[in-house]
Amino acid sequence: MQHLYDFLNSKRLPIYDIMKKYCEVSEKLDGTALQVVSENNHILFFKRSNNICKRSNRELKNIDMLLHADYYNAYLYLQKYEEYFNNFMLLNFEIFSDEKNHLISYNNFKNNIVLLSGFSKAGHVLSLDKLKEIAEYINVSLPDFLWSGNLTDDNITEFLKYKDDQEKIWDYATKIFNLKFNDNIEGLVLTFKDNDNFINRIVKIQNPVFQKNILNHLNDENNKKSINLESIYDDIINNSIFTYNDIYKSVEQRLLSLYMYIEQKEKLCDKIENKLISYDILNDLKINKILIKNIVSTFPDNIKYPHLLKFILLGFMSKRVKEPLWCSLEYQNNKLNTFIEKFIIY
């Protein structure tokens, strides 16, 4: 979703004409994006891209749900409405979990799911009344819609005057929309529409306080990821040259079988587990034991080395992943990717 200050500085867009359209203002939520798409009378789940008007190309996979309970819980809940969802082309949601994995905590969303927007089978944007109808039927929440109407010429002129100052844009927006917030809000979403509900543009205004907090948070996360664990990859690779059982077809099954094989080497696992246990990025993740058993029924109930399992799932899930593969790019290209390509992906 484009920032308002980027939109205001665009050289090609008819900024004034777009901002004269009918405008709906809602709260920007600090959740996890999820998109549900109807295709051939079945629904598919995607990790939503920034363009909510189009189908994402990032389909939700089992590998995503093995360590992210919010995806899994939303998937289990929403798939019950497959027949109903086939009445629409796509629906955009924001999902949440009881885990404190976002900077802002929410506790009032039905089933931890918020319906943001959607499109009919004909590709028309769904009206607010239709969104309310859907949200009520599937028992999820809607975002808080804070203001609707048309900006005046003076409003647009003022926004353009502040186009290079995000703090002034935020202050002016909260003023003209008559909003009073504490610092515990990510920002605002402005949706500009034609009379026939066609969306001309969706932009966001980020709360400067939240932006500072998120930058500090990302710096902390980057520090957590700035770890060279090539020795652990070496231990796994050098001790795991074996042929997988043919029953293990998917990437998820291969990763889990890799862990089951390595778990038998207790001295090696003790060494790796003791090293990994100190890393917050692994401590913050929760293993989805139910889904694991669904994928590999013989997987042990008692996971002796949970940090090692998380490390394998994160680090070996794709040869294209750059983070959190905690090793040099040269090592990844020359050694790790070769192992993944040979034993994990194919």
Protein backbone atom coordinates (compact mmCIF):
# COMPACT_ATOMS: atom_id res chain seq x y z
CA MET A 1 0.00 0.00 0.00
CA GLN A 2 1.45 3.35 -1.03
CA HIS A 3 2.29 6.00 1.55
CA LEU A 4 0.42 9.27 1.14
CA TYR A 5 3.65 11.26 0.94
CA ASP A 6 4.86 9.05 -1.93
CA PHE A 7 1.51 9.51 -3.65
CA LEU A 8 1.66 13.29 -3.20
CA ASN A 9 5.14 13.35 -4.73
CA SER A 10 4.13 11.30 -7.77
CA LYS A 11 4.89 12.93 -11.12
CA ARG A 12 2.53 10.86 -13.25
CA LEU A 13 -0.69 10.48 -11.28
CA PRO A 14 -3.58 13.01 -11.44
CA ILE A 15 -3.25 13.64 -7.70
CA TYR A 16 -5.81 16.42 -7.42
CA ASP A 17 -8.47 14.56 -9.42
CA ILE A 18 -8.05 11.42 -7.31
CA MET A 19 -8.18 13.29 -4.01
CA LYS A 20 -11.42 14.98 -5.04
CA LYS A 21 -13.11 11.57 -5.10
CA TYR A 22 -15.22 10.27 -2.24
CA CYS A 23 -12.90 9.26 0.60
CA GLU A 24 -13.26 6.64 3.35
CA VAL A 25 -10.83 6.75 6.28
CA SER A 26 -10.18 3.69 8.43
CA GLU A 27 -7.60 2.61 10.97
CA LYS A 28 -4.44 0.93 9.62
CA LEU A 29 -4.07 -2.26 11.64
CA ASP A 30 -0.82 -3.87 12.76
CA GLY A 31 -1.70 -7.45 11.83
CA THR A 32 -0.81 -10.14 9.29
CA ALA A 33 -2.26 -9.90 5.80
CA LEU A 34 -4.26 -12.80 4.35
CA GLN A 35 -6.17 -13.06 1.08
CA VAL A 36 -8.89 -15.59 0.18
CA VAL A 37 -9.44 -16.17 -3.55
CA SER A 38 -12.22 -18.17 -5.21
CA GLU A 39 -11.13 -20.25 -8.17
CA ASN A 40 -13.08 -23.07 -9.88
CA ASN A 41 -15.47 -23.36 -6.92
CA HIS A 42 -12.61 -23.76 -4.47
CA ILE A 43 -10.89 -21.23 -2.27
CA LEU A 44 -7.17 -20.57 -2.10
CA PHE A 45 -5.31 -18.72 0.63
CA PHE A 46 -2.54 -16.22 -0.04
CA LYS A 47 -0.18 -14.04 1.95
CA ARG A 48 -1.55 -10.80 0.57
CA SER A 49 0.61 -8.54 -1.54
CA ASN A 50 0.56 -4.76 -1.27
CA ASN A 51 -1.95 -4.53 -4.13
CA ILE A 52 -5.24 -5.58 -2.52
CA CYS A 53 -7.06 -5.25 -5.84
CA LYS A 54 -5.27 -8.23 -7.38
CA ARG A 55 -4.69 -11.84 -6.51
CA SER A 56 -1.39 -12.31 -4.69
CA ASN A 57 1.27 -14.63 -6.08
CA ARG A 58 2.33 -15.74 -2.58
CA GLU A 59 0.14 -18.75 -1.88
CA LEU A 60 -0.10 -19.86 1.74
CA LYS A 61 1.69 -23.19 2.20
CA ASN A 62 1.90 -25.72 5.00
CA ILE A 63 5.48 -24.56 5.54
CA ASP A 64 4.13 -21.10 6.44
CA MET A 65 1.74 -22.56 9.00
CA LEU A 66 4.20 -24.87 10.75
CA LEU A 67 5.64 -21.97 12.76
CA HIS A 68 2.90 -19.33 12.46
CA ALA A 69 -0.20 -20.16 14.43
CA ASP A 70 -2.07 -17.05 13.26
CA TYR A 71 -2.04 -18.32 9.66
CA TYR A 72 -3.09 -21.80 10.72
CA ASN A 73 -5.92 -20.68 13.00
CA ALA A 74 -7.32 -18.32 10.36
CA TYR A 75 -7.03 -21.02 7.70
CA LEU A 76 -8.94 -23.54 9.82
CA TYR A 77 -11.65 -21.02 10.63
CA LEU A 78 -12.17 -19.48 7.18
CA GLN A 79 -12.09 -22.69 5.14
CA LYS A 80 -15.41 -23.65 6.74
CA TYR A 81 -17.01 -20.90 4.61
CA GLU A 82 -15.69 -22.13 1.26
CA GLU A 83 -19.14 -22.43 -0.32
CA TYR A 84 -20.07 -18.91 0.79
CA PHE A 85 -16.73 -17.41 -0.32
CA ASN A 86 -17.27 -18.78 -3.82
CA ASN A 87 -19.79 -15.95 -4.28
CA PHE A 88 -16.87 -13.49 -4.41
CA MET A 89 -13.68 -13.10 -6.43
CA LEU A 90 -11.39 -12.30 -3.51
CA LEU A 91 -11.50 -11.06 0.07
CA ASN A 92 -8.74 -9.30 1.98
CA PHE A 93 -8.28 -9.91 5.70
CA GLU A 94 -5.98 -8.90 8.51
CA ILE A 95 -5.40 -11.65 11.04
CA PHE A 96 -4.12 -11.63 14.60
CA SER A 97 -3.03 -14.08 17.25
CA ASP A 98 -2.97 -14.20 21.00
CA GLU A 99 0.81 -14.15 20.84
CA LYS A 100 2.36 -10.70 21.24
CA ASN A 101 4.14 -10.72 17.89
CA HIS A 102 3.13 -7.21 16.80
CA LEU A 103 3.91 -3.78 18.22
CA ILE A 104 0.24 -3.03 18.88
CA SER A 105 -1.95 -5.43 20.82
CA TYR A 106 -5.63 -5.92 20.03
CA ASN A 107 -8.12 -7.97 22.01
CA ASN A 108 -11.50 -7.13 20.57
CA PHE A 109 -11.57 -8.74 17.12
CA LYS A 110 -13.99 -11.60 16.53
CA ASN A 111 -12.02 -14.81 15.98
CA ASN A 112 -8.89 -12.64 15.62
CA ILE A 113 -9.86 -11.79 12.03
CA VAL A 114 -10.72 -8.45 10.39
CA LEU A 115 -12.29 -8.17 6.92
CA LEU A 116 -10.72 -5.22 5.08
CA SER A 117 -12.08 -5.28 1.54
CA GLY A 118 -13.28 -7.52 -1.25
CA PHE A 119 -14.35 -7.85 -4.86
CA SER A 120 -17.37 -9.42 -6.52
CA LYS A 121 -17.19 -12.13 -9.18
CA ALA A 122 -17.52 -9.32 -11.73
CA GLY A 123 -14.47 -7.58 -10.25
CA HIS A 124 -16.38 -4.73 -8.59
CA VAL A 125 -15.29 -3.50 -5.19
CA LEU A 126 -17.66 -4.53 -2.40
CA SER A 127 -19.52 -1.72 -0.68
CA LEU A 128 -19.21 -1.08 3.04
CA ASP A 129 -22.74 -2.42 3.54
CA LYS A 130 -21.77 -5.65 1.76
CA LEU A 131 -18.63 -5.97 3.85
CA LYS A 132 -20.73 -5.58 6.98
CA GLU A 133 -23.04 -8.33 5.73
CA ILE A 134 -20.11 -10.69 5.06
CA ALA A 135 -18.43 -9.92 8.38
CA GLU A 136 -21.63 -10.62 10.26
CA TYR A 137 -22.25 -13.89 8.40
CA ILE A 138 -18.76 -15.30 9.06
CA ASN A 139 -18.51 -13.67 12.51
CA VAL A 140 -15.39 -11.57 12.03
CA SER A 141 -14.71 -7.89 12.63
CA LEU A 142 -14.41 -4.85 10.39
CA PRO A 143 -11.83 -2.09 10.87
CA ASP A 144 -12.99 1.10 12.51
CA PHE A 145 -14.24 3.45 9.76
CA LEU A 146 -13.40 6.87 11.15
CA TRP A 147 -14.49 9.37 8.51
CA SER A 148 -16.08 9.53 5.08
CA GLY A 149 -16.77 12.39 2.66
CA ASN A 150 -14.98 14.60 0.17
CA LEU A 151 -11.84 16.59 0.84
CA THR A 152 -12.11 20.30 0.13
CA ASP A 153 -9.78 22.19 -2.20
CA ASP A 154 -8.11 23.71 0.87
CA ASN A 155 -7.59 20.23 2.36
CA ILE A 156 -5.86 19.01 -0.79
CA THR A 157 -3.73 22.16 -1.00
CA GLU A 158 -2.60 21.71 2.60
CA PHE A 159 -1.70 18.06 2.06
CA LEU A 160 0.36 19.03 -1.00
CA LYS A 161 2.07 21.75 1.02
CA TYR A 162 3.16 19.16 3.62
CA LYS A 163 4.03 16.44 1.10
CA ASP A 164 7.66 16.22 2.28
CA ASP A 165 6.91 16.24 6.01
CA GLN A 166 5.31 13.07 7.33
CA GLU A 167 4.71 14.43 10.82
CA LYS A 168 2.82 17.45 9.47
CA ILE A 169 0.80 15.19 7.15
CA TRP A 170 -0.18 13.07 10.16
CA ASP A 171 -1.03 16.09 12.33
CA TYR A 172 -3.10 17.69 9.58
CA ALA A 173 -4.95 14.46 8.79
CA THR A 174 -5.95 13.88 12.40
CA LYS A 175 -7.06 17.50 12.58
CA ILE A 176 -9.34 17.59 9.52
CA PHE A 177 -10.79 14.15 10.25
CA ASN A 178 -11.37 15.26 13.85
CA LEU A 179 -9.53 12.28 15.28
CA LYS A 180 -7.89 12.01 18.66
CA PHE A 181 -5.44 9.17 19.20
CA ASN A 182 -2.87 8.12 21.69
CA ASP A 183 0.34 6.75 20.19
CA ASN A 184 -0.99 3.18 20.08
CA ILE A 185 -2.13 3.21 16.44
CA GLU A 186 -0.23 2.30 13.29
CA GLY A 187 -1.89 4.85 11.04
CA LEU A 188 -4.78 5.61 8.70
CA VAL A 189 -5.96 4.16 5.40
CA LEU A 190 -7.53 6.55 2.86
CA THR A 191 -9.61 4.93 0.12
CA PHE A 192 -10.67 7.18 -2.76
CA LYS A 193 -13.68 5.91 -4.74
CA ASP A 194 -15.92 6.86 -7.64
CA ASN A 195 -19.68 6.92 -7.25
CA ASP A 196 -19.90 3.38 -8.59
CA ASN A 197 -17.53 2.18 -5.82
CA PHE A 198 -14.60 1.84 -8.21
CA ILE A 199 -11.41 2.29 -6.18
CA ASN A 200 -9.16 4.98 -7.67
CA ARG A 201 -6.46 4.81 -5.01
CA ILE A 202 -5.69 3.46 -1.56
CA VAL A 203 -2.98 5.20 0.45
CA LYS A 204 -1.82 5.07 4.04
CA ILE A 205 -0.68 7.69 6.49
CA GLN A 206 1.65 6.26 9.09
CA ASN A 207 1.72 7.52 12.66
CA PRO A 208 5.26 8.96 13.10
CA VAL A 209 5.47 7.53 16.62
CA PHE A 210 4.63 4.06 15.30
CA GLN A 211 7.18 4.48 12.51
CA LYS A 212 9.92 5.22 15.04
CA ASN A 213 8.87 2.20 17.08
CA ILE A 214 8.85 -0.10 14.05
CA LEU A 215 12.30 1.10 12.95
CA ASN A 216 13.65 0.36 16.42
CA HIS A 217 11.92 -3.02 16.31
CA LEU A 218 13.38 -3.85 12.88
CA ASN A 219 16.84 -2.86 14.06
CA ASP A 220 16.43 -5.27 16.96
CA GLU A 221 15.20 -7.99 14.58
CA ASN A 222 18.12 -7.39 12.22
CA ASN A 223 20.50 -7.70 15.14
CA LYS A 224 18.88 -11.01 16.03
CA LYS A 225 19.30 -12.19 12.45
CA SER A 226 22.90 -11.03 12.16
CA ILE A 227 24.19 -14.40 13.29
CA ASN A 228 26.71 -16.58 11.52
CA LEU A 229 25.71 -20.18 12.16
CA GLU A 230 27.58 -21.81 9.29
CA SER A 231 29.04 -24.35 11.71
CA ILE A 232 25.54 -25.62 12.50
CA TYR A 233 24.68 -25.94 8.84
CA ASP A 234 27.96 -27.80 8.40
CA ASP A 235 27.04 -30.21 11.19
CA ILE A 236 23.63 -30.91 9.62
CA ILE A 237 24.91 -31.20 6.05
CA ASN A 238 27.94 -33.34 6.90
CA ASN A 239 25.90 -35.69 9.05
CA SER A 240 22.81 -35.94 6.90
CA ILE A 241 23.88 -37.29 3.53
CA PHE A 242 21.27 -39.99 3.15
CA THR A 243 18.41 -41.02 0.90
CA TYR A 244 14.95 -39.96 1.96
CA ASN A 245 12.17 -42.50 2.11
CA ASP A 246 10.06 -42.26 -1.06
CA ILE A 247 6.88 -41.63 0.96
CA TYR A 248 8.16 -38.16 1.84
CA LYS A 249 7.06 -36.05 -1.10
CA SER A 250 6.53 -32.46 -0.02
CA VAL A 251 9.10 -29.96 1.21
CA GLU A 252 7.42 -30.04 4.62
CA GLN A 253 7.64 -33.83 4.83
CA ARG A 254 11.28 -33.77 3.79
CA LEU A 255 12.17 -31.14 6.39
CA LEU A 256 10.39 -33.02 9.15
CA SER A 257 12.00 -36.29 8.12
CA LEU A 258 15.38 -34.54 8.14
CA TYR A 259 14.77 -33.53 11.75
CA MET A 260 13.65 -37.07 12.68
CA TYR A 261 16.85 -38.46 11.19
CA ILE A 262 19.12 -35.95 12.93
CA GLU A 263 17.33 -36.37 16.26
CA GLN A 264 18.82 -39.84 16.52
CA LYS A 265 22.30 -38.27 16.80
CA GLU A 266 21.99 -37.04 20.35
CA LYS A 267 25.51 -35.68 20.79
CA LEU A 268 25.16 -33.59 17.66
CA CYS A 269 21.66 -32.40 18.61
CA ASP A 270 22.65 -31.50 22.18
CA LYS A 271 25.46 -29.36 20.81
CA ILE A 272 23.23 -27.55 18.30
CA GLU A 273 20.28 -27.10 20.68
CA ASN A 274 22.49 -25.53 23.34
CA LYS A 275 23.74 -23.02 20.80
CA LEU A 276 20.33 -22.15 19.36
CA ILE A 277 18.47 -21.81 22.64
CA SER A 278 19.83 -18.32 23.27
CA TYR A 279 18.37 -16.75 20.11
CA ASP A 280 15.19 -14.75 20.65
CA ILE A 281 14.04 -15.07 17.05
CA LEU A 282 13.68 -18.83 17.64
CA ASN A 283 12.29 -18.47 21.16
CA ASP A 284 9.50 -16.27 19.80
CA LEU A 285 8.26 -18.95 17.38
CA LYS A 286 5.72 -21.59 18.36
CA ILE A 287 5.77 -25.05 16.77
CA ASN A 288 2.44 -26.13 15.29
CA LYS A 289 2.36 -29.71 16.61
CA ILE A 290 -1.12 -30.46 15.28
CA LEU A 291 -0.18 -29.60 11.71
CA ILE A 292 3.11 -31.48 12.01
CA LYS A 293 1.27 -34.67 12.96
CA ASN A 294 -1.13 -34.15 10.06
CA ILE A 295 1.82 -33.95 7.67
CA VAL A 296 3.90 -36.79 9.15
CA SER A 297 1.84 -39.06 11.39
CA THR A 298 4.95 -40.83 12.72
CA PHE A 299 6.53 -37.61 13.97
CA PRO A 300 7.40 -37.94 17.69
CA ASP A 301 4.94 -36.44 20.16
CA ASN A 302 7.80 -35.27 22.34
CA ILE A 303 10.03 -32.90 20.40
CA LYS A 304 13.39 -33.27 22.14
CA TYR A 305 15.12 -30.43 20.27
CA PRO A 306 12.52 -27.72 19.50
CA HIS A 307 15.04 -25.01 18.63
CA LEU A 308 16.77 -27.30 16.16
CA LEU A 309 13.42 -28.10 14.54
CA LYS A 310 12.60 -24.39 14.22
CA PHE A 311 16.05 -23.75 12.77
CA ILE A 312 15.56 -26.45 10.15
CA LEU A 313 12.08 -25.25 9.19
CA LEU A 314 13.23 -21.64 8.86
CA GLY A 315 16.61 -22.20 7.32
CA PHE A 316 15.91 -24.96 4.84
CA MET A 317 12.44 -24.04 3.65
CA SER A 318 13.64 -22.60 0.34
CA LYS A 319 16.91 -22.20 -1.49
CA ARG A 320 15.79 -18.67 -2.42
CA VAL A 321 15.32 -17.47 1.14
CA LYS A 322 17.99 -15.01 2.23
CA GLU A 323 16.72 -14.54 5.78
CA PRO A 324 16.79 -16.09 8.23
CA LEU A 325 19.49 -18.22 6.61
CA TRP A 326 22.12 -17.12 9.09
CA CYS A 327 25.18 -17.53 6.94
CA SER A 328 27.18 -15.68 4.34
CA LEU A 329 25.79 -15.39 0.82
CA GLU A 330 28.88 -17.17 -0.49
CA TYR A 331 28.30 -20.10 1.85
CA GLN A 332 24.62 -20.20 0.94
CA ASN A 333 25.30 -20.23 -2.81
CA ASN A 334 28.19 -22.70 -2.74
CA LYS A 335 27.15 -25.19 -0.10
CA LEU A 336 23.77 -24.73 1.52
CA ASN A 337 21.72 -24.26 -1.64
CA THR A 338 23.29 -27.37 -3.13
CA PHE A 339 22.16 -29.41 -0.14
CA ILE A 340 18.66 -27.92 -0.20
CA GLU A 341 18.29 -28.48 -3.93
CA LYS A 342 19.41 -32.09 -3.68
CA PHE A 343 17.65 -33.25 -0.53
CA ILE A 344 14.89 -30.77 0.31
CA ILE A 345 13.31 -29.22 -2.76
CA TYR A 346 13.41 -32.13 -5.20
